[in-house]
Amino acid sequence: MLNFIYYPVSAILWFWHKAFGYLLGPGNGFGWALAVVFLVFTLRAVLFKPFVSQVRSMRKMQEFAPEIQKLKKKYGDDKQKMAAEMQKLQSEHGVNPLGGCLPVLVQIPVFIGLFHVLRSFNRPSLSPEMNRQTANYVFSALDVQSFLDARVFGVPLSAFITEPTELLTRYGDISRWQIAVVAVPLTIVAGVLTHLTAKQSVARQNPAQIAANPQAAMMNKLMVWLFPVGVVAGGPFFPLAILMYWLSNNLWTLGQQRVVYQRIEAEDAEKKEVAIAQRQALGPRPGQKPIRSKRDGAGNPIAAVDDDAAAGMDRRESGSAAATSNGAVSNGVGPSQPGASEGPSGAQGSARADGSAPPGMIQQRPRPRKKTNRKRR
């Protein structure tokens, strides 16, 4: 029924068994254990990019958490409207809630497939002789015999503490205590890694959001404490190879979280520094007056000048207007040019009979009389 899961999982396990069997020998127990470990690493490497997307999605969800709280207060009774507004809010922020579930959803069928393939090396429905002569998905009968004969610290990889006695006798002179000596430490280490992974994930969450949501706080406690206890409690019911799968999977997750979190936090810090530098570049310097735009008579902006420059321009324009109103028009000849002499009355030269000024003189225009509003008596 689930052959579409069993065959790919067994194919990846077969590939790594052949690779490490070439180096350590086809029947070496540590070669089989490394094949299980690298099966996990292969899966997690494929899911690395979705995991990064999951972390980014969670951080974005924390950014607009206050908006979610507002929606809950506004549409708390209308679940349909609440779902529509949540979907709209997630699309606006570019958040895909299914993207965060993808790594977990993919690991579940892989765990089921690996558990079934490992259990199929030692099938209780077949006799010991028939079991050793029957292939296991992509593994041949010789591969089945190699797996059953492989030992890690003297314990078969497919053995588990609570295994039925009739199946335990197939391994030869192996007791449950011998299995427990290897399985219990692996179970405890897997539980500790599960605790550290969950604790590291919870530490990156927003404390204000957790305090405002009691359900999230309860879920975090379950992740940090109950899940590791569940791993330790379930250890006696799983084969040794499954315990190695748990241990390597949690070890990869712990290291991957640390690397990805540091990388994303460094990117966020760099973005903040760039934003601060842009604001400082656009804003006025300390002690500098703000810049205003110069506009023409129609109100269109001409150029951006500061207040001091604008005041200087206004003074120069007013001075030019005053000089023009006083009738001083320059013809390009200065008052001390040759040919200009100062008369006894202080005027330069004498005027011609037709009223025009001689060469080298500045023609003075009559000043207009000022209008007064005083009424004549």
Protein backbone atom coordinates (compact mmCIF):
# COMPACT_ATOMS: atom_id res chain seq x y z
CA MET A 1 0.00 0.00 0.00
CA LEU A 2 2.82 2.41 0.91
CA ASN A 3 5.35 0.99 -1.52
CA PHE A 4 5.82 4.46 -3.02
CA ILE A 5 7.45 5.34 0.34
CA TYR A 6 9.17 2.03 1.13
CA TYR A 7 11.05 1.68 -2.16
CA PRO A 8 12.63 5.19 -2.20
CA VAL A 9 13.66 4.92 1.46
CA SER A 10 15.15 1.48 0.98
CA ALA A 11 16.93 2.68 -2.20
CA ILE A 12 18.68 5.54 -0.36
CA LEU A 13 19.62 3.17 2.48
CA TRP A 14 20.93 0.64 -0.06
CA PHE A 15 23.09 3.29 -1.76
CA TRP A 16 24.79 4.35 1.46
CA HIS A 17 25.20 0.73 2.55
CA LYS A 18 27.06 0.01 -0.67
CA ALA A 19 29.21 3.14 -0.25
CA PHE A 20 30.25 2.39 3.35
CA GLY A 21 30.35 -1.35 2.70
CA TYR A 22 33.00 -0.70 0.04
CA LEU A 23 35.11 1.07 2.68
CA LEU A 24 34.38 -1.01 5.81
CA GLY A 25 33.12 -4.29 4.39
CA PRO A 26 29.57 -5.35 3.39
CA GLY A 27 28.83 -7.05 6.71
CA ASN A 28 30.28 -4.39 9.00
CA GLY A 29 27.76 -3.17 11.57
CA PHE A 30 29.13 0.36 11.68
CA GLY A 31 28.80 0.50 7.89
CA TRP A 32 25.08 -0.26 8.24
CA ALA A 33 24.77 2.29 11.08
CA LEU A 34 26.44 4.98 8.95
CA ALA A 35 24.07 4.11 6.11
CA VAL A 36 21.12 4.89 8.41
CA VAL A 37 22.74 8.13 9.59
CA PHE A 38 23.46 9.34 6.05
CA LEU A 39 19.95 8.42 5.01
CA VAL A 40 18.87 11.09 7.52
CA PHE A 41 21.50 13.56 6.29
CA THR A 42 20.39 13.07 2.69
CA LEU A 43 16.77 13.79 3.57
CA ARG A 44 17.63 16.86 5.67
CA ALA A 45 19.94 18.25 3.01
CA VAL A 46 17.07 18.08 0.50
CA LEU A 47 14.81 19.85 3.01
CA PHE A 48 17.34 22.55 3.94
CA LYS A 49 15.81 25.25 1.72
CA PRO A 50 12.22 24.58 2.93
CA PHE A 51 13.54 24.75 6.50
CA VAL A 52 15.03 28.20 5.85
CA SER A 53 11.69 29.28 4.37
CA GLN A 54 9.97 27.93 7.50
CA VAL A 55 12.20 30.00 9.80
CA ARG A 56 11.67 33.15 7.73
CA SER A 57 7.92 32.56 7.74
CA MET A 58 7.90 32.19 11.53
CA ARG A 59 9.86 35.43 11.97
CA LYS A 60 7.44 37.30 9.71
CA MET A 61 4.53 35.89 11.67
CA GLN A 62 6.10 37.34 14.83
CA GLU A 63 6.45 40.75 13.16
CA PHE A 64 2.73 41.16 12.46
CA ALA A 65 1.56 39.35 15.59
CA PRO A 66 -0.08 42.55 16.93
CA GLU A 67 -2.19 42.72 13.78
CA ILE A 68 -3.29 39.12 14.34
CA GLN A 69 -4.36 39.99 17.87
CA LYS A 70 -6.42 42.88 16.51
CA LEU A 71 -8.12 40.55 14.05
CA LYS A 72 -8.91 38.08 16.84
CA LYS A 73 -10.53 40.83 18.91
CA LYS A 74 -12.48 42.13 15.92
CA TYR A 75 -13.61 38.82 14.36
CA GLY A 76 -13.37 36.52 17.36
CA ASP A 77 -16.89 35.12 16.89
CA ASP A 78 -16.90 35.00 13.09
CA LYS A 79 -14.45 32.21 12.24
CA GLN A 80 -15.08 32.40 8.50
CA LYS A 81 -14.35 36.13 8.40
CA MET A 82 -11.35 35.60 10.67
CA ALA A 83 -9.90 32.97 8.33
CA ALA A 84 -10.41 35.22 5.30
CA GLU A 85 -8.73 38.18 7.01
CA MET A 86 -5.84 35.99 8.19
CA GLN A 87 -5.30 34.70 4.66
CA LYS A 88 -5.34 38.26 3.35
CA LEU A 89 -2.86 39.38 6.00
CA GLN A 90 -0.52 36.47 5.26
CA SER A 91 -0.61 37.17 1.52
CA GLU A 92 0.21 40.84 2.14
CA HIS A 93 3.28 39.90 4.19
CA GLY A 94 4.31 37.07 1.87
CA VAL A 95 3.82 34.30 4.44
CA ASN A 96 2.87 30.76 3.44
CA PRO A 97 1.64 28.80 6.49
CA LEU A 98 1.98 25.47 4.65
CA GLY A 99 5.66 26.17 3.94
CA GLY A 100 6.47 25.91 7.64
CA CYS A 101 4.86 22.47 7.89
CA LEU A 102 6.62 20.97 4.86
CA PRO A 103 9.81 19.70 6.61
CA VAL A 104 7.79 17.98 9.33
CA LEU A 105 5.27 16.52 6.90
CA VAL A 106 8.03 15.03 4.75
CA GLN A 107 9.88 13.48 7.70
CA ILE A 108 6.83 11.58 8.93
CA PRO A 109 6.50 9.25 5.90
CA VAL A 110 10.29 8.78 5.83
CA PHE A 111 10.22 7.67 9.48
CA ILE A 112 7.35 5.28 8.73
CA GLY A 113 9.15 3.93 5.67
CA LEU A 114 12.45 3.41 7.51
CA PHE A 115 10.71 1.75 10.45
CA HIS A 116 8.91 -0.67 8.11
CA VAL A 117 12.02 -1.47 6.06
CA LEU A 118 14.10 -2.19 9.17
CA ARG A 119 11.38 -4.37 10.66
CA SER A 120 11.12 -6.26 7.36
CA PHE A 121 14.69 -7.54 7.73
CA ASN A 122 13.42 -9.77 10.53
CA ARG A 123 9.84 -10.76 9.66
CA PRO A 124 8.01 -12.75 12.36
CA SER A 125 5.63 -14.30 9.81
CA LEU A 126 8.50 -16.21 8.17
CA SER A 127 10.75 -18.89 9.55
CA PRO A 128 14.39 -17.91 10.23
CA GLU A 129 15.62 -19.82 7.16
CA MET A 130 12.91 -18.42 4.89
CA ASN A 131 13.47 -14.92 6.20
CA ARG A 132 17.18 -15.04 5.32
CA GLN A 133 16.36 -16.14 1.77
CA THR A 134 13.72 -13.45 1.08
CA ALA A 135 14.55 -10.06 -0.42
CA ASN A 136 13.49 -6.82 1.31
CA TYR A 137 12.35 -4.29 -1.30
CA VAL A 138 15.54 -3.18 -3.13
CA PHE A 139 17.75 -5.29 -0.82
CA SER A 140 18.63 -8.74 -2.09
CA ALA A 141 18.64 -11.89 0.05
CA LEU A 142 22.41 -11.51 0.55
CA ASP A 143 21.84 -7.97 1.84
CA VAL A 144 19.22 -9.29 4.27
CA GLN A 145 21.70 -11.86 5.59
CA SER A 146 24.35 -9.14 5.89
CA PHE A 147 22.02 -6.91 7.92
CA LEU A 148 20.95 -9.74 10.26
CA ASP A 149 24.57 -10.70 10.91
CA ALA A 150 25.78 -7.11 11.43
CA ARG A 151 26.49 -6.02 15.01
CA VAL A 152 27.10 -2.66 16.72
CA PHE A 153 28.79 -3.21 20.08
CA GLY A 154 27.62 -6.82 19.82
CA VAL A 155 23.91 -5.94 19.28
CA PRO A 156 21.98 -6.40 15.98
CA LEU A 157 20.64 -3.22 14.40
CA SER A 158 17.10 -4.61 14.08
CA ALA A 159 16.86 -5.73 17.74
CA PHE A 160 14.93 -3.79 20.37
CA ILE A 161 14.43 -4.23 24.11
CA THR A 162 10.77 -5.32 24.07
CA GLU A 163 11.22 -7.69 21.13
CA PRO A 164 9.30 -11.01 21.41
CA THR A 165 11.32 -13.95 22.58
CA GLU A 166 10.79 -16.03 19.40
CA LEU A 167 12.31 -13.22 17.33
CA LEU A 168 15.08 -12.59 19.82
CA THR A 169 16.30 -16.18 19.53
CA ARG A 170 17.03 -15.63 15.83
CA TYR A 171 20.00 -13.45 16.75
CA GLY A 172 21.66 -16.23 18.70
CA ASP A 173 22.85 -15.79 22.26
CA ILE A 174 21.69 -12.15 22.71
CA SER A 175 19.89 -11.07 25.90
CA ARG A 176 17.67 -8.06 26.48
CA TRP A 177 20.21 -6.60 28.87
CA GLN A 178 22.83 -6.55 26.16
CA ILE A 179 20.39 -4.69 23.92
CA ALA A 180 19.54 -2.27 26.72
CA VAL A 181 23.20 -1.43 27.36
CA VAL A 182 23.41 0.00 23.82
CA ALA A 183 19.82 1.17 23.33
CA VAL A 184 19.33 3.12 26.58
CA PRO A 185 22.27 5.54 26.10
CA LEU A 186 21.16 6.18 22.51
CA THR A 187 17.63 6.86 23.75
CA ILE A 188 18.80 9.28 26.44
CA VAL A 189 21.06 11.19 24.02
CA ALA A 190 18.22 11.40 21.49
CA GLY A 191 15.90 12.77 24.21
CA VAL A 192 18.46 15.37 25.32
CA LEU A 193 18.98 16.53 21.73
CA THR A 194 15.20 16.80 21.30
CA HIS A 195 15.03 18.98 24.42
CA LEU A 196 17.88 21.25 23.24
CA THR A 197 16.38 21.60 19.77
CA ALA A 198 12.97 22.59 21.14
CA LYS A 199 14.51 24.96 23.69
CA GLN A 200 16.56 26.69 20.99
CA SER A 201 13.47 27.13 18.84
CA VAL A 202 11.38 28.54 21.70
CA ALA A 203 14.14 31.00 22.64
CA ARG A 204 13.79 32.68 19.22
CA GLN A 205 10.10 33.41 19.73
CA ASN A 206 8.68 36.78 20.75
CA PRO A 207 8.15 36.85 24.57
CA ALA A 208 5.30 39.36 24.30
CA GLN A 209 3.48 37.13 21.83
CA ILE A 210 3.90 34.08 24.07
CA ALA A 211 2.64 36.00 27.10
CA ALA A 212 -0.44 37.15 25.18
CA ASN A 213 -1.25 33.63 23.94
CA PRO A 214 -1.61 31.01 26.71
CA GLN A 215 -2.01 28.22 24.13
CA ALA A 216 1.38 29.03 22.60
CA ALA A 217 3.00 29.00 26.05
CA MET A 218 1.47 25.58 26.76
CA MET A 219 2.63 24.23 23.41
CA ASN A 220 6.16 25.43 24.08
CA LYS A 221 6.23 23.56 27.38
CA LEU A 222 5.09 20.40 25.61
CA MET A 223 7.82 20.79 23.01
CA VAL A 224 10.56 21.43 25.55
CA TRP A 225 9.65 18.75 28.10
CA LEU A 226 6.96 16.31 26.99
CA PHE A 227 8.37 15.45 23.56
CA PRO A 228 11.83 14.50 24.92
CA VAL A 229 10.19 12.37 27.59
CA GLY A 230 8.16 10.68 24.85
CA VAL A 231 11.34 9.87 22.92
CA VAL A 232 12.94 8.30 26.00
CA ALA A 233 9.77 6.37 26.87
CA GLY A 234 9.40 5.04 23.34
CA GLY A 235 13.03 3.93 23.04
CA PRO A 236 12.49 0.35 24.27
CA PHE A 237 9.87 -0.28 21.55
CA PHE A 238 12.03 0.69 18.56
CA PRO A 239 14.93 -1.10 16.87
CA LEU A 240 18.47 0.09 17.39
CA ALA A 241 18.59 1.51 13.85
CA ILE A 242 15.53 3.70 14.56
CA LEU A 243 17.22 5.08 17.67
CA MET A 244 20.22 6.00 15.51
CA TYR A 245 17.81 7.67 13.12
CA TRP A 246 16.35 9.77 15.95
CA LEU A 247 19.75 10.68 17.32
CA SER A 248 21.22 11.74 13.97
CA ASN A 249 18.04 13.57 12.96
CA ASN A 250 17.94 15.61 16.19
CA LEU A 251 21.68 16.29 15.99
CA TRP A 252 21.29 17.62 12.44
CA THR A 253 18.29 19.73 13.44
CA LEU A 254 20.16 21.28 16.38
CA GLY A 255 23.16 22.27 14.24
CA GLN A 256 20.98 23.42 11.34
CA GLN A 257 18.88 25.66 13.57
CA ARG A 258 21.96 27.33 15.02
CA VAL A 259 23.45 28.01 11.60
CA VAL A 260 20.21 29.25 10.03
CA TYR A 261 19.23 31.44 13.00
CA GLN A 262 22.65 33.11 13.07
CA ARG A 263 22.54 33.66 9.34
CA ILE A 264 19.06 35.24 9.37
CA GLU A 265 19.87 37.39 12.42
CA ALA A 266 23.01 38.66 10.67
CA GLU A 267 20.94 39.53 7.57
CA ASP A 268 18.39 41.40 9.70
CA ALA A 269 21.15 43.33 11.48
CA GLU A 270 22.70 44.26 8.14
CA LYS A 271 19.34 45.47 6.81
CA LYS A 272 18.86 47.64 9.91
CA GLU A 273 22.32 49.16 9.49
CA VAL A 274 21.61 49.95 5.82
CA ALA A 275 18.27 51.55 6.73
CA ILE A 276 19.89 53.67 9.45
CA ALA A 277 22.64 54.78 7.05
CA GLN A 278 20.05 55.77 4.44
CA ARG A 279 18.08 57.81 6.97
CA GLN A 280 21.24 59.56 8.13
CA ALA A 281 22.26 60.33 4.54
CA LEU A 282 18.86 61.82 3.71
CA GLY A 283 18.45 63.75 6.96
CA PRO A 284 20.17 67.08 7.83
CA ARG A 285 23.58 67.04 9.44
CA PRO A 286 23.94 68.08 13.08
CA GLY A 287 23.68 71.91 13.27
CA GLN A 288 22.57 72.20 9.64
CA LYS A 289 19.35 74.03 8.80
CA PRO A 290 16.74 72.05 6.85
CA ILE A 291 16.72 72.39 3.07
CA ARG A 292 13.77 74.01 1.33
CA SER A 293 12.94 74.18 -2.34
CA LYS A 294 13.17 77.44 -4.35
CA ARG A 295 10.05 78.12 -6.35
CA ASP A 296 9.31 80.43 -9.25
CA GLY A 297 6.35 82.77 -9.66
CA ALA A 298 4.10 79.92 -10.78
CA GLY A 299 4.94 77.91 -7.66
CA ASN A 300 7.09 75.30 -9.46
CA PRO A 301 10.23 74.12 -7.63
CA ILE A 302 13.49 75.41 -9.14
CA ALA A 303 16.23 74.03 -6.90
CA ALA A 304 16.75 72.89 -3.33
CA VAL A 305 18.64 75.45 -1.26
CA ASP A 306 19.10 75.83 2.44
CA ASP A 307 17.76 78.72 4.49
CA ASP A 308 21.06 80.69 4.62
CA ALA A 309 21.55 80.50 0.85
CA ALA A 310 17.92 81.48 0.27
CA ALA A 311 18.27 84.48 2.58
CA GLY A 312 21.41 85.61 0.72
CA MET A 313 19.65 85.29 -2.62
CA ASP A 314 16.72 87.33 -1.30
CA ARG A 315 19.08 90.11 -0.08
CA ARG A 316 20.89 90.25 -3.43
CA GLU A 317 17.60 90.42 -5.33
CA SER A 318 16.28 93.22 -3.10
CA GLY A 319 19.55 95.16 -3.53
CA SER A 320 19.36 94.89 -7.31
CA ALA A 321 15.77 96.10 -7.28
CA ALA A 322 16.72 99.10 -5.12
CA ALA A 323 19.57 100.03 -7.44
CA THR A 324 17.29 99.84 -10.45
CA SER A 325 14.65 102.01 -8.78
CA ASN A 326 17.27 104.67 -7.99
CA GLY A 327 18.06 104.94 -11.69
CA ALA A 328 21.63 103.66 -11.65
CA VAL A 329 22.02 101.99 -15.05
CA SER A 330 25.51 100.78 -15.95
CA ASN A 331 26.76 101.15 -19.51
CA GLY A 332 29.96 99.30 -18.87
CA VAL A 333 31.98 102.48 -18.07
CA GLY A 334 33.11 103.17 -14.51
CA PRO A 335 33.03 106.55 -12.81
CA SER A 336 36.81 106.97 -13.02
CA GLN A 337 37.17 106.47 -16.80
CA PRO A 338 39.37 108.87 -18.75
CA GLY A 339 37.60 111.97 -19.95
CA ALA A 340 35.46 112.36 -16.91
CA SER A 341 36.23 115.39 -14.77
CA GLU A 342 34.65 116.56 -11.62
CA GLY A 343 33.18 120.07 -11.66
CA PRO A 344 33.13 122.53 -8.85
CA SER A 345 29.68 121.53 -7.89
CA GLY A 346 30.75 117.87 -7.50
CA ALA A 347 29.06 116.71 -10.72
CA GLN A 348 31.12 114.88 -13.31
CA GLY A 349 31.47 117.01 -16.46
CA SER A 350 28.73 119.15 -17.90
CA ALA A 351 25.58 118.10 -19.67
CA ARG A 352 25.06 118.72 -23.38
CA ALA A 353 22.54 121.18 -24.74
CA ASP A 354 20.24 118.41 -25.93
CA GLY A 355 20.22 116.97 -22.43
CA SER A 356 22.27 113.86 -23.30
CA ALA A 357 25.29 112.93 -21.23
CA PRO A 358 28.77 113.27 -22.78
CA PRO A 359 30.85 110.13 -23.36
CA GLY A 360 32.07 108.56 -20.16
CA MET A 361 29.29 109.98 -18.08
CA ILE A 362 26.40 108.12 -16.46
CA GLN A 363 23.08 109.41 -17.53
CA GLN A 364 20.88 110.14 -14.57
CA ARG A 365 17.20 109.51 -14.96
CA PRO A 366 14.79 111.68 -13.05
CA ARG A 367 13.49 110.01 -9.94
CA PRO A 368 9.73 109.50 -9.87
CA ARG A 369 7.90 111.53 -7.27
CA LYS A 370 6.52 109.58 -4.41
CA LYS A 371 2.81 109.46 -4.20
CA THR A 372 1.29 110.57 -0.98
CA ASN A 373 -2.14 109.96 0.34
CA ARG A 374 -2.37 113.25 2.18
CA LYS A 375 -5.26 115.39 1.05
CA ARG A 376 -4.67 118.95 0.04
CA ARG A 377 -6.31 121.48 2.22
